[in-house]
Each structure stands twice: as C-alpha cells, then as structure tokens.
C-alpha cells in the first residue's frame, strides 16, 4: 500500500496545527510522556524512542497531529516510522499502522489556582504496516513493539486496531497529576482471532521553575502487544524526565526503566525525546 497519501495528509494537518490555541485550550499541567494529552489544542509532535533489545536495536519515530475542531474536541492522527536490526549492522526501516481518531475533554475549575480536566480518546489504526507476507519487515515490526510498549498496536502487520483511553488530569499548581486507563483490540484482516490489551498510567509532575517541569510517570501494559498469540505479556515501567515550555514549543527528554514483567521476551530501557509545537 502506498504511504504517500497518509504522509501528505499529515503534512497538511501540521500546517493547520501551528495555528495559535485559544485560552480555553490551555493545558492542565505539562504534556505527559506516554499518557494522552487531554488538552484540546492544536499540536504537532515528533518523537524519537530508542532501546537495545537483546542483540537488536530499535528506533521509533512517531509523527503526530492534534487538530482542534471544537471547543473541547480535537482530531488526532499519527504515523509511526521505525528502524530495527542487529547491533553492528545497518538498521532497516519499517512503517507502522496509521492512527486516526479524536479526543475530547472538559475542564472543571477548583478555586482560583487549580482545576481538573477529564476526558477520553478514541483511535483506530489502519493496517499500513507491511503485511505478514513481508517476513523481514514483519520481524522488524515485532522488534519495535517493546519500544512502543504503551502503544504497541502501532506495529501489528496485517491487522487494524481500536483503542479507547479514559483520563483525568489535575492542575494543583505547581504540581500536576494525570491518571489514565484504557484498552485496545487488535483486529486481523484475515482469519486470525482478535486479541486485547489493557493500558494504564499515572503521572506526577512538579514545576521546577517557570518553563520547566520535572516528571515521573508509571506506565503499564497487560495482554497482547501484537500478533501472533505468543506475543502476550505484561510490563510495568517508570519514566523520569524533563518537559520544557519555550513559547509555542515544548521539548522533552526522558528515560524509561522496567519495574516488573516483560513484553515479547524483552525488558527494554528506553531513551526518548519529543518535540511538540502548540
């Protein structure tokens, strides 16, 4: 399947996403590391996540667009790219599954200096990843699932996916707390059975000084991280990082460590950076 149209669509939406956000769309605390950002603002994001996976290396490059289409609703799209291969050799590229969906939230004021936002995000994934017939690309997709453990449905060849996340974000200036729980279903386009997974996370953030947040985030995944059936598992991680707010830009850097469990036989240590533009 040609990927020119999805890529062109993301580039067009990126231009729209750079339009200024109104005051009603201001964030409750910082943009999370793994969890869904509930603020219905225009956002263009480019992330990079790297992990050493046994004898292989994996690099994930998701490009995301959030386009505010109503007071409390934003259209979302993401196209993940990746590179994977044995250490010491040239990594090979692989395309993930295109995500399209929406997220909505509502803000509730609590006194003069705080409030909270609750909402949900619903995404579907189109099977743009190389099919199971492309064996080498399929193996590279399997290598990248542990790197994207919280959104492993990015790398499910020959399958669509549906994901629903429910979130709650508290603004307790200078602190912020986010909670999220969600589920995803991977739906093969052939006669293989569908599989399910559960995702959950908790973010603690503190404003070190104006324009910089320190973040600690617990994130976990249980169930199927892809196909076939033997890719089930569970993984609980902890991430520590920094998020900066520089005008309309919000770069971040963090490292993720496994606490317990494994996915796809892996307990990855993940290094990640992200650039988001509001």
C-alpha atoms as a PDB file:
ATOM      1  CA  UNK A   1       0.000   0.000   0.000  1.00  0.00           C
ATOM      2  CA  UNK A   2       1.357   3.427  -0.930  1.00  0.00           C
ATOM      3  CA  UNK A   3       2.029   5.727   2.032  1.00  0.00           C
ATOM      4  CA  UNK A   4       2.188   8.983   0.049  1.00  0.00           C
ATOM      5  CA  UNK A   5      -1.380   9.985   0.810  1.00  0.00           C
ATOM      6  CA  UNK A   6      -1.143   9.451   4.630  1.00  0.00           C
ATOM      7  CA  UNK A   7       2.168  11.329   4.735  1.00  0.00           C
ATOM      8  CA  UNK A   8       0.795  14.210   2.637  1.00  0.00           C
ATOM      9  CA  UNK A   9      -2.282  14.414   4.870  1.00  0.00           C
ATOM     10  CA  UNK A  10      -0.111  14.653   7.993  1.00  0.00           C
ATOM     11  CA  UNK A  11       1.994  17.427   6.437  1.00  0.00           C
ATOM     12  CA  UNK A  12      -1.121  19.433   5.535  1.00  0.00           C
ATOM     13  CA  UNK A  13      -2.525  18.998   9.055  1.00  0.00           C
ATOM     14  CA  UNK A  14       0.827  20.036  10.519  1.00  0.00           C
ATOM     15  CA  UNK A  15       0.412  23.451   8.922  1.00  0.00           C
ATOM     16  CA  UNK A  16      -3.065  23.781  10.369  1.00  0.00           C
ATOM     17  CA  UNK A  17      -1.885  22.646  13.781  1.00  0.00           C
ATOM     18  CA  UNK A  18       0.529  25.576  14.035  1.00  0.00           C
ATOM     19  CA  UNK A  19      -2.377  27.999  14.375  1.00  0.00           C
ATOM     20  CA  UNK A  20      -2.469  29.661  17.807  1.00  0.00           C
ATOM     21  CA  UNK A  21      -4.529  27.938  20.519  1.00  0.00           C
ATOM     22  CA  UNK A  22      -7.123  29.908  22.450  1.00  0.00           C
ATOM     23  CA  UNK A  23      -7.076  30.351  26.202  1.00  0.00           C
ATOM     24  CA  UNK A  24      -9.825  27.726  26.541  1.00  0.00           C
ATOM     25  CA  UNK A  25      -7.361  25.121  25.239  1.00  0.00           C
ATOM     26  CA  UNK A  26      -4.558  25.748  27.742  1.00  0.00           C
ATOM     27  CA  UNK A  27      -3.020  22.640  29.245  1.00  0.00           C
ATOM     28  CA  UNK A  28      -3.656  21.265  32.724  1.00  0.00           C
ATOM     29  CA  UNK A  29      -0.046  20.694  33.754  1.00  0.00           C
ATOM     30  CA  UNK A  30       2.599  19.556  31.250  1.00  0.00           C
ATOM     31  CA  UNK A  31       2.169  17.286  28.241  1.00  0.00           C
ATOM     32  CA  UNK A  32       2.639  13.687  29.542  1.00  0.00           C
ATOM     33  CA  UNK A  33       5.404  11.321  28.453  1.00  0.00           C
ATOM     34  CA  UNK A  34       3.291   8.289  27.488  1.00  0.00           C
ATOM     35  CA  UNK A  35      -0.256   9.156  28.541  1.00  0.00           C
ATOM     36  CA  UNK A  36      -2.796  11.011  26.405  1.00  0.00           C
ATOM     37  CA  UNK A  37      -2.610  14.800  26.484  1.00  0.00           C
ATOM     38  CA  UNK A  38      -6.239  15.749  27.223  1.00  0.00           C
ATOM     39  CA  UNK A  39      -5.942  19.434  26.313  1.00  0.00           C
ATOM     40  CA  UNK A  40      -7.931  20.026  23.072  1.00  0.00           C
ATOM     41  CA  UNK A  41      -5.229  22.163  21.463  1.00  0.00           C
ATOM     42  CA  UNK A  42      -3.560  22.154  18.056  1.00  0.00           C
ATOM     43  CA  UNK A  43      -0.343  20.137  18.413  1.00  0.00           C
ATOM     44  CA  UNK A  44       2.316  18.902  16.015  1.00  0.00           C
ATOM     45  CA  UNK A  45       4.687  16.375  17.591  1.00  0.00           C
ATOM     46  CA  UNK A  46       7.731  14.400  16.533  1.00  0.00           C
ATOM     47  CA  UNK A  47       9.164  11.826  18.906  1.00  0.00           C
ATOM     48  CA  UNK A  48      12.171   9.525  18.998  1.00  0.00           C
ATOM     49  CA  UNK A  49      12.462   6.429  21.208  1.00  0.00           C
ATOM     50  CA  UNK A  50      15.460   4.094  21.241  1.00  0.00           C
ATOM     51  CA  UNK A  51      16.122   0.803  23.011  1.00  0.00           C
ATOM     52  CA  UNK A  52      18.620  -2.044  22.869  1.00  0.00           C
ATOM     53  CA  UNK A  53      16.648  -5.290  22.537  1.00  0.00           C
ATOM     54  CA  UNK A  54      18.951  -8.221  23.174  1.00  0.00           C
ATOM     55  CA  UNK A  55      21.127  -8.396  20.067  1.00  0.00           C
ATOM     56  CA  UNK A  56      18.898  -5.927  18.191  1.00  0.00           C
ATOM     57  CA  UNK A  57      18.413  -2.170  18.263  1.00  0.00           C
ATOM     58  CA  UNK A  58      15.053  -0.476  17.826  1.00  0.00           C
ATOM     59  CA  UNK A  59      14.275   3.158  16.984  1.00  0.00           C
ATOM     60  CA  UNK A  60      10.714   4.520  16.801  1.00  0.00           C
ATOM     61  CA  UNK A  61       9.835   7.857  15.142  1.00  0.00           C
ATOM     62  CA  UNK A  62       6.126   8.719  15.526  1.00  0.00           C
ATOM     63  CA  UNK A  63       4.791  11.836  13.794  1.00  0.00           C
ATOM     64  CA  UNK A  64       1.569  13.137  15.356  1.00  0.00           C
ATOM     65  CA  UNK A  65      -1.057  15.783  14.637  1.00  0.00           C
ATOM     66  CA  UNK A  66      -3.757  17.006  17.028  1.00  0.00           C
ATOM     67  CA  UNK A  67      -6.151  19.455  15.350  1.00  0.00           C
ATOM     68  CA  UNK A  68      -8.729  21.224  17.486  1.00  0.00           C
ATOM     69  CA  UNK A  69     -12.097  21.026  15.717  1.00  0.00           C
ATOM     70  CA  UNK A  70     -14.444  22.200  18.502  1.00  0.00           C
ATOM     71  CA  UNK A  71     -14.363  23.824  21.946  1.00  0.00           C
ATOM     72  CA  UNK A  72     -13.399  20.595  23.730  1.00  0.00           C
ATOM     73  CA  UNK A  73     -12.629  18.171  20.873  1.00  0.00           C
ATOM     74  CA  UNK A  74      -9.512  17.534  18.799  1.00  0.00           C
ATOM     75  CA  UNK A  75      -8.935  15.342  15.753  1.00  0.00           C
ATOM     76  CA  UNK A  76      -5.812  13.168  16.161  1.00  0.00           C
ATOM     77  CA  UNK A  77      -3.614  11.332  13.681  1.00  0.00           C
ATOM     78  CA  UNK A  78      -0.277   9.559  13.990  1.00  0.00           C
ATOM     79  CA  UNK A  79       2.017   7.844  11.515  1.00  0.00           C
ATOM     80  CA  UNK A  80       4.842   5.847  13.141  1.00  0.00           C
ATOM     81  CA  UNK A  81       8.130   5.098  11.418  1.00  0.00           C
ATOM     82  CA  UNK A  82      10.837   2.854  12.790  1.00  0.00           C
ATOM     83  CA  UNK A  83      14.240   1.290  12.273  1.00  0.00           C
ATOM     84  CA  UNK A  84      15.306  -2.093  13.592  1.00  0.00           C
ATOM     85  CA  UNK A  85      18.167  -4.512  13.072  1.00  0.00           C
ATOM     86  CA  UNK A  86      21.002  -6.432  14.711  1.00  0.00           C
ATOM     87  CA  UNK A  87      23.660  -4.416  16.525  1.00  0.00           C
ATOM     88  CA  UNK A  88      26.636  -3.661  14.318  1.00  0.00           C
ATOM     89  CA  UNK A  89      24.633  -3.741  11.080  1.00  0.00           C
ATOM     90  CA  UNK A  90      22.642  -1.119   9.194  1.00  0.00           C
ATOM     91  CA  UNK A  91      19.138  -0.830  10.659  1.00  0.00           C
ATOM     92  CA  UNK A  92      16.297  -1.262   8.179  1.00  0.00           C
ATOM     93  CA  UNK A  93      13.191   0.965   8.006  1.00  0.00           C
ATOM     94  CA  UNK A  94       9.648  -0.153   8.717  1.00  0.00           C
ATOM     95  CA  UNK A  95       6.313   1.665   8.546  1.00  0.00           C
ATOM     96  CA  UNK A  96       3.752   1.277  11.335  1.00  0.00           C
ATOM     97  CA  UNK A  97      -0.046   1.473  11.357  1.00  0.00           C
ATOM     98  CA  UNK A  98      -1.635   4.874  10.740  1.00  0.00           C
ATOM     99  CA  UNK A  99      -3.834   6.060  13.636  1.00  0.00           C
ATOM    100  CA  UNK A 100      -6.868   8.320  13.173  1.00  0.00           C
ATOM    101  CA  UNK A 101      -9.290   9.352  15.895  1.00  0.00           C
ATOM    102  CA  UNK A 102     -10.443  12.060  18.268  1.00  0.00           C
ATOM    103  CA  UNK A 103     -10.081  13.117  21.883  1.00  0.00           C
ATOM    104  CA  UNK A 104     -12.335  15.255  23.976  1.00  0.00           C
ATOM    105  CA  UNK A 105     -12.259  16.651  27.495  1.00  0.00           C
ATOM    106  CA  UNK A 106     -13.935  19.079  29.849  1.00  0.00           C
ATOM    107  CA  UNK A 107     -12.296  21.419  32.347  1.00  0.00           C
ATOM    108  CA  UNK A 108     -13.641  21.891  35.882  1.00  0.00           C
ATOM    109  CA  UNK A 109     -12.405  24.882  37.915  1.00  0.00           C
ATOM    110  CA  UNK A 110     -11.435  24.253  41.554  1.00  0.00           C
ATOM    111  CA  UNK A 111     -10.965  27.563  43.318  1.00  0.00           C
ATOM    112  CA  UNK A 112      -8.732  30.277  41.885  1.00  0.00           C
ATOM    113  CA  UNK A 113      -5.495  28.362  41.344  1.00  0.00           C
ATOM    114  CA  UNK A 114      -6.436  24.897  40.211  1.00  0.00           C
ATOM    115  CA  UNK A 115      -8.800  22.587  38.435  1.00  0.00           C
ATOM    116  CA  UNK A 116      -9.003  19.290  36.639  1.00  0.00           C
ATOM    117  CA  UNK A 117      -9.772  18.027  33.167  1.00  0.00           C
ATOM    118  CA  UNK A 118     -11.444  14.700  32.403  1.00  0.00           C
ATOM    119  CA  UNK A 119     -11.885  13.139  29.005  1.00  0.00           C
ATOM    120  CA  UNK A 120     -11.324  10.287  26.609  1.00  0.00           C
ATOM    121  CA  UNK A 121      -9.530   9.456  23.372  1.00  0.00           C
ATOM    122  CA  UNK A 122     -10.706   7.004  20.727  1.00  0.00           C
ATOM    123  CA  UNK A 123      -8.324   5.928  17.966  1.00  0.00           C
ATOM    124  CA  UNK A 124      -8.486   3.461  15.138  1.00  0.00           C
ATOM    125  CA  UNK A 125      -5.454   2.136  13.298  1.00  0.00           C
ATOM    126  CA  UNK A 126      -5.363   1.357   9.600  1.00  0.00           C
ATOM    127  CA  UNK A 127      -3.135  -1.620   8.621  1.00  0.00           C
ATOM    128  CA  UNK A 128      -0.469   0.357   6.761  1.00  0.00           C
ATOM    129  CA  UNK A 129       2.338  -1.743   8.310  1.00  0.00           C
ATOM    130  CA  UNK A 130       3.809  -4.310   5.885  1.00  0.00           C
ATOM    131  CA  UNK A 131       1.707  -7.485   5.821  1.00  0.00           C
ATOM    132  CA  UNK A 132       2.686 -10.851   7.236  1.00  0.00           C
ATOM    133  CA  UNK A 133       3.871 -11.896   3.774  1.00  0.00           C
ATOM    134  CA  UNK A 134       6.760  -9.433   4.114  1.00  0.00           C
ATOM    135  CA  UNK A 135       8.678 -11.616   6.577  1.00  0.00           C
ATOM    136  CA  UNK A 136      11.702  -9.370   7.147  1.00  0.00           C
ATOM    137  CA  UNK A 137       9.545  -6.269   7.709  1.00  0.00           C
ATOM    138  CA  UNK A 138       7.238  -8.260   9.983  1.00  0.00           C
ATOM    139  CA  UNK A 139      10.216  -9.302  12.124  1.00  0.00           C
ATOM    140  CA  UNK A 140      11.319  -5.684  12.385  1.00  0.00           C
ATOM    141  CA  UNK A 141       7.805  -4.720  13.494  1.00  0.00           C
ATOM    142  CA  UNK A 142       7.983  -7.370  16.241  1.00  0.00           C
ATOM    143  CA  UNK A 143      11.284  -5.878  17.428  1.00  0.00           C
ATOM    144  CA  UNK A 144       9.729  -2.429  17.742  1.00  0.00           C
ATOM    145  CA  UNK A 145       6.701  -3.438  19.846  1.00  0.00           C
ATOM    146  CA  UNK A 146       8.593  -3.435  23.182  1.00  0.00           C
ATOM    147  CA  UNK A 147       9.968   0.049  22.357  1.00  0.00           C
ATOM    148  CA  UNK A 148       6.356   1.231  21.882  1.00  0.00           C
ATOM    149  CA  UNK A 149       5.079  -0.922  24.747  1.00  0.00           C
ATOM    150  CA  UNK A 150       2.363   1.602  25.693  1.00  0.00           C
ATOM    151  CA  UNK A 151       1.171   1.871  22.071  1.00  0.00           C
ATOM    152  CA  UNK A 152       2.339  -1.449  20.658  1.00  0.00           C
ATOM    153  CA  UNK A 153      -0.629  -1.616  18.261  1.00  0.00           C
ATOM    154  CA  UNK A 154       1.498   0.651  16.074  1.00  0.00           C
ATOM    155  CA  UNK A 155       3.363  -2.475  14.923  1.00  0.00           C
ATOM    156  CA  UNK A 156       0.782  -5.173  14.114  1.00  0.00           C
ATOM    157  CA  UNK A 157       1.236  -6.296  10.483  1.00  0.00           C
ATOM    158  CA  UNK A 158      -1.931  -7.341   8.693  1.00  0.00           C
ATOM    159  CA  UNK A 159      -4.226  -6.041  11.439  1.00  0.00           C
ATOM    160  CA  UNK A 160      -6.313  -2.998  12.261  1.00  0.00           C
ATOM    161  CA  UNK A 161      -6.740  -1.796  15.844  1.00  0.00           C
ATOM    162  CA  UNK A 162      -9.125   0.166  18.040  1.00  0.00           C
ATOM    163  CA  UNK A 163      -8.108   1.870  21.278  1.00  0.00           C
ATOM    164  CA  UNK A 164     -10.043   3.763  23.963  1.00  0.00           C
ATOM    165  CA  UNK A 165      -8.318   5.703  26.768  1.00  0.00           C
ATOM    166  CA  UNK A 166     -10.018   7.420  29.715  1.00  0.00           C
ATOM    167  CA  UNK A 167      -8.092  10.143  31.523  1.00  0.00           C
ATOM    168  CA  UNK A 168      -8.155  12.564  34.432  1.00  0.00           C
ATOM    169  CA  UNK A 169      -5.661  15.442  34.820  1.00  0.00           C
ATOM    170  CA  UNK A 170      -5.340  17.596  37.953  1.00  0.00           C
ATOM    171  CA  UNK A 171      -3.769  21.071  38.000  1.00  0.00           C
ATOM    172  CA  UNK A 172      -2.505  21.677  41.555  1.00  0.00           C
ATOM    173  CA  UNK A 173      -0.068  24.464  40.708  1.00  0.00           C
ATOM    174  CA  UNK A 174       2.893  23.997  40.950  1.00  0.00           C
ATOM    175  CA  UNK A 175       2.095  20.274  40.782  1.00  0.00           C
ATOM    176  CA  UNK A 176       0.118  18.144  38.320  1.00  0.00           C
ATOM    177  CA  UNK A 177      -1.236  14.589  38.446  1.00  0.00           C
ATOM    178  CA  UNK A 178      -2.572  12.602  35.477  1.00  0.00           C
ATOM    179  CA  UNK A 179      -4.287   9.211  35.577  1.00  0.00           C
ATOM    180  CA  UNK A 180      -5.220   7.046  32.600  1.00  0.00           C
ATOM    181  CA  UNK A 181      -6.681   3.613  31.904  1.00  0.00           C
ATOM    182  CA  UNK A 182      -7.544   2.183  28.531  1.00  0.00           C
ATOM    183  CA  UNK A 183      -7.952  -0.859  26.374  1.00  0.00           C
ATOM    184  CA  UNK A 184      -7.073  -1.805  22.821  1.00  0.00           C
ATOM    185  CA  UNK A 185      -8.182  -4.507  20.429  1.00  0.00           C
ATOM    186  CA  UNK A 186      -6.060  -5.778  17.538  1.00  0.00           C
ATOM    187  CA  UNK A 187      -8.283  -6.953  14.686  1.00  0.00           C
ATOM    188  CA  UNK A 188      -6.597  -9.079  11.981  1.00  0.00           C
ATOM    189  CA  UNK A 189      -7.826  -8.626   8.432  1.00  0.00           C
ATOM    190  CA  UNK A 190      -7.515 -12.399   7.867  1.00  0.00           C
ATOM    191  CA  UNK A 191      -8.981 -15.292   9.889  1.00  0.00           C
ATOM    192  CA  UNK A 192      -6.716 -14.937  12.933  1.00  0.00           C
ATOM    193  CA  UNK A 193      -8.542 -14.195  16.205  1.00  0.00           C
ATOM    194  CA  UNK A 194      -8.689 -10.699  17.662  1.00  0.00           C
ATOM    195  CA  UNK A 195      -6.589 -10.005  20.769  1.00  0.00           C
ATOM    196  CA  UNK A 196      -6.961  -7.459  23.567  1.00  0.00           C
ATOM    197  CA  UNK A 197      -4.669  -5.431  25.839  1.00  0.00           C
ATOM    198  CA  UNK A 198      -5.027  -3.141  28.871  1.00  0.00           C
ATOM    199  CA  UNK A 199      -3.005   0.047  29.386  1.00  0.00           C
ATOM    200  CA  UNK A 200      -2.711   2.221  32.495  1.00  0.00           C
ATOM    201  CA  UNK A 201      -0.584   5.089  33.729  1.00  0.00           C
ATOM    202  CA  UNK A 202      -0.002   7.650  36.478  1.00  0.00           C
ATOM    203  CA  UNK A 203       1.974  10.884  36.059  1.00  0.00           C
ATOM    204  CA  UNK A 204       3.420  13.106  38.797  1.00  0.00           C
ATOM    205  CA  UNK A 205       4.811  16.469  37.658  1.00  0.00           C
ATOM    206  CA  UNK A 206       6.323  19.397  39.529  1.00  0.00           C
ATOM    207  CA  UNK A 207       7.241  22.801  38.118  1.00  0.00           C
ATOM    208  CA  UNK A 208      10.927  23.245  38.932  1.00  0.00           C
ATOM    209  CA  UNK A 209      10.787  26.849  37.736  1.00  0.00           C
ATOM    210  CA  UNK A 210       8.965  28.807  35.058  1.00  0.00           C
ATOM    211  CA  UNK A 211       9.169  26.944  31.780  1.00  0.00           C
ATOM    212  CA  UNK A 212      10.455  23.618  33.136  1.00  0.00           C
ATOM    213  CA  UNK A 213       8.667  20.597  34.626  1.00  0.00           C
ATOM    214  CA  UNK A 214      10.140  17.500  36.212  1.00  0.00           C
ATOM    215  CA  UNK A 215       8.095  14.375  35.512  1.00  0.00           C
ATOM    216  CA  UNK A 216       7.849  10.872  36.955  1.00  0.00           C
ATOM    217  CA  UNK A 217       5.451   8.538  35.180  1.00  0.00           C
ATOM    218  CA  UNK A 218       4.356   4.970  35.859  1.00  0.00           C
ATOM    219  CA  UNK A 219       3.009   3.199  32.773  1.00  0.00           C
ATOM    220  CA  UNK A 220       1.976  -0.391  32.212  1.00  0.00           C
ATOM    221  CA  UNK A 221       0.590  -2.725  29.579  1.00  0.00           C
ATOM    222  CA  UNK A 222      -1.014  -6.141  30.007  1.00  0.00           C
ATOM    223  CA  UNK A 223      -2.240  -8.568  27.392  1.00  0.00           C
ATOM    224  CA  UNK A 224      -1.374  -8.825  23.719  1.00  0.00           C
ATOM    225  CA  UNK A 225       1.258  -6.483  22.323  1.00  0.00           C
ATOM    226  CA  UNK A 226       0.603  -7.713  18.808  1.00  0.00           C
ATOM    227  CA  UNK A 227       0.178 -10.849  16.768  1.00  0.00           C
ATOM    228  CA  UNK A 228       0.629 -13.812  16.970  1.00  0.00           C
ATOM    229  CA  UNK A 229      -0.774 -15.061  20.263  1.00  0.00           C
ATOM    230  CA  UNK A 230       2.662 -15.742  21.758  1.00  0.00           C
ATOM    231  CA  UNK A 231       3.334 -12.010  21.994  1.00  0.00           C
ATOM    232  CA  UNK A 232       1.305 -11.686  25.182  1.00  0.00           C
ATOM    233  CA  UNK A 233       2.841 -10.380  28.371  1.00  0.00           C
ATOM    234  CA  UNK A 234       2.815  -7.589  30.918  1.00  0.00           C
ATOM    235  CA  UNK A 235       5.217  -4.766  31.670  1.00  0.00           C
ATOM    236  CA  UNK A 236       5.214  -2.053  34.322  1.00  0.00           C
ATOM    237  CA  UNK A 237       7.679   0.797  33.852  1.00  0.00           C
ATOM    238  CA  UNK A 238       8.797   4.004  35.482  1.00  0.00           C
ATOM    239  CA  UNK A 239       9.954   7.031  33.496  1.00  0.00           C
ATOM    240  CA  UNK A 240      11.786  10.131  34.669  1.00  0.00           C
ATOM    241  CA  UNK A 241      12.273  13.205  32.548  1.00  0.00           C
ATOM    242  CA  UNK A 242      12.026  16.919  31.915  1.00  0.00           C
ATOM    243  CA  UNK A 243       9.490  18.896  29.894  1.00  0.00           C
ATOM    244  CA  UNK A 244      10.287  22.451  28.812  1.00  0.00           C
ATOM    245  CA  UNK A 245       7.837  25.145  27.721  1.00  0.00           C
ATOM    246  CA  UNK A 246       9.519  27.655  25.419  1.00  0.00           C
ATOM    247  CA  UNK A 247       6.916  29.823  23.737  1.00  0.00           C
ATOM    248  CA  UNK A 248       4.885  27.561  21.470  1.00  0.00           C
ATOM    249  CA  UNK A 249       7.415  24.722  21.726  1.00  0.00           C
ATOM    250  CA  UNK A 250       7.537  22.022  24.381  1.00  0.00           C
ATOM    251  CA  UNK A 251      10.515  19.656  24.059  1.00  0.00           C
ATOM    252  CA  UNK A 252      11.006  16.773  26.468  1.00  0.00           C
ATOM    253  CA  UNK A 253      13.565  14.088  27.261  1.00  0.00           C
ATOM    254  CA  UNK A 254      13.098  11.017  29.432  1.00  0.00           C
ATOM    255  CA  UNK A 255      14.331   7.532  30.170  1.00  0.00           C
ATOM    256  CA  UNK A 256      12.066   4.553  30.910  1.00  0.00           C
ATOM    257  CA  UNK A 257      13.076   1.624  33.114  1.00  0.00           C
ATOM    258  CA  UNK A 258      11.221  -1.700  33.536  1.00  0.00           C
ATOM    259  CA  UNK A 259       9.949  -2.440  37.043  1.00  0.00           C
ATOM    260  CA  UNK A 260       8.381  -5.855  36.558  1.00  0.00           C
ATOM    261  CA  UNK A 261       7.281  -8.182  33.774  1.00  0.00           C
ATOM    262  CA  UNK A 262       8.278  -8.329  30.124  1.00  0.00           C
ATOM    263  CA  UNK A 263       6.743  -7.939  26.669  1.00  0.00           C
ATOM    264  CA  UNK A 264       7.843 -10.042  23.739  1.00  0.00           C
ATOM    265  CA  UNK A 265      10.573 -11.504  25.969  1.00  0.00           C
ATOM    266  CA  UNK A 266      12.059  -8.037  26.458  1.00  0.00           C
ATOM    267  CA  UNK A 267      12.577  -5.655  29.386  1.00  0.00           C
ATOM    268  CA  UNK A 268      13.688  -2.589  27.450  1.00  0.00           C
ATOM    269  CA  UNK A 269      15.387   0.510  28.823  1.00  0.00           C
ATOM    270  CA  UNK A 270      14.067   3.246  26.538  1.00  0.00           C
ATOM    271  CA  UNK A 271      15.618   6.634  25.827  1.00  0.00           C
ATOM    272  CA  UNK A 272      13.230   9.153  24.304  1.00  0.00           C
ATOM    273  CA  UNK A 273      12.936  12.765  23.225  1.00  0.00           C
ATOM    274  CA  UNK A 274       9.945  14.604  21.830  1.00  0.00           C
ATOM    275  CA  UNK A 275       9.356  17.989  20.237  1.00  0.00           C
ATOM    276  CA  UNK A 276       5.797  19.299  20.445  1.00  0.00           C
ATOM    277  CA  UNK A 277       4.574  22.568  18.947  1.00  0.00           C
ATOM    278  CA  UNK A 278       1.318  24.132  20.134  1.00  0.00           C
END
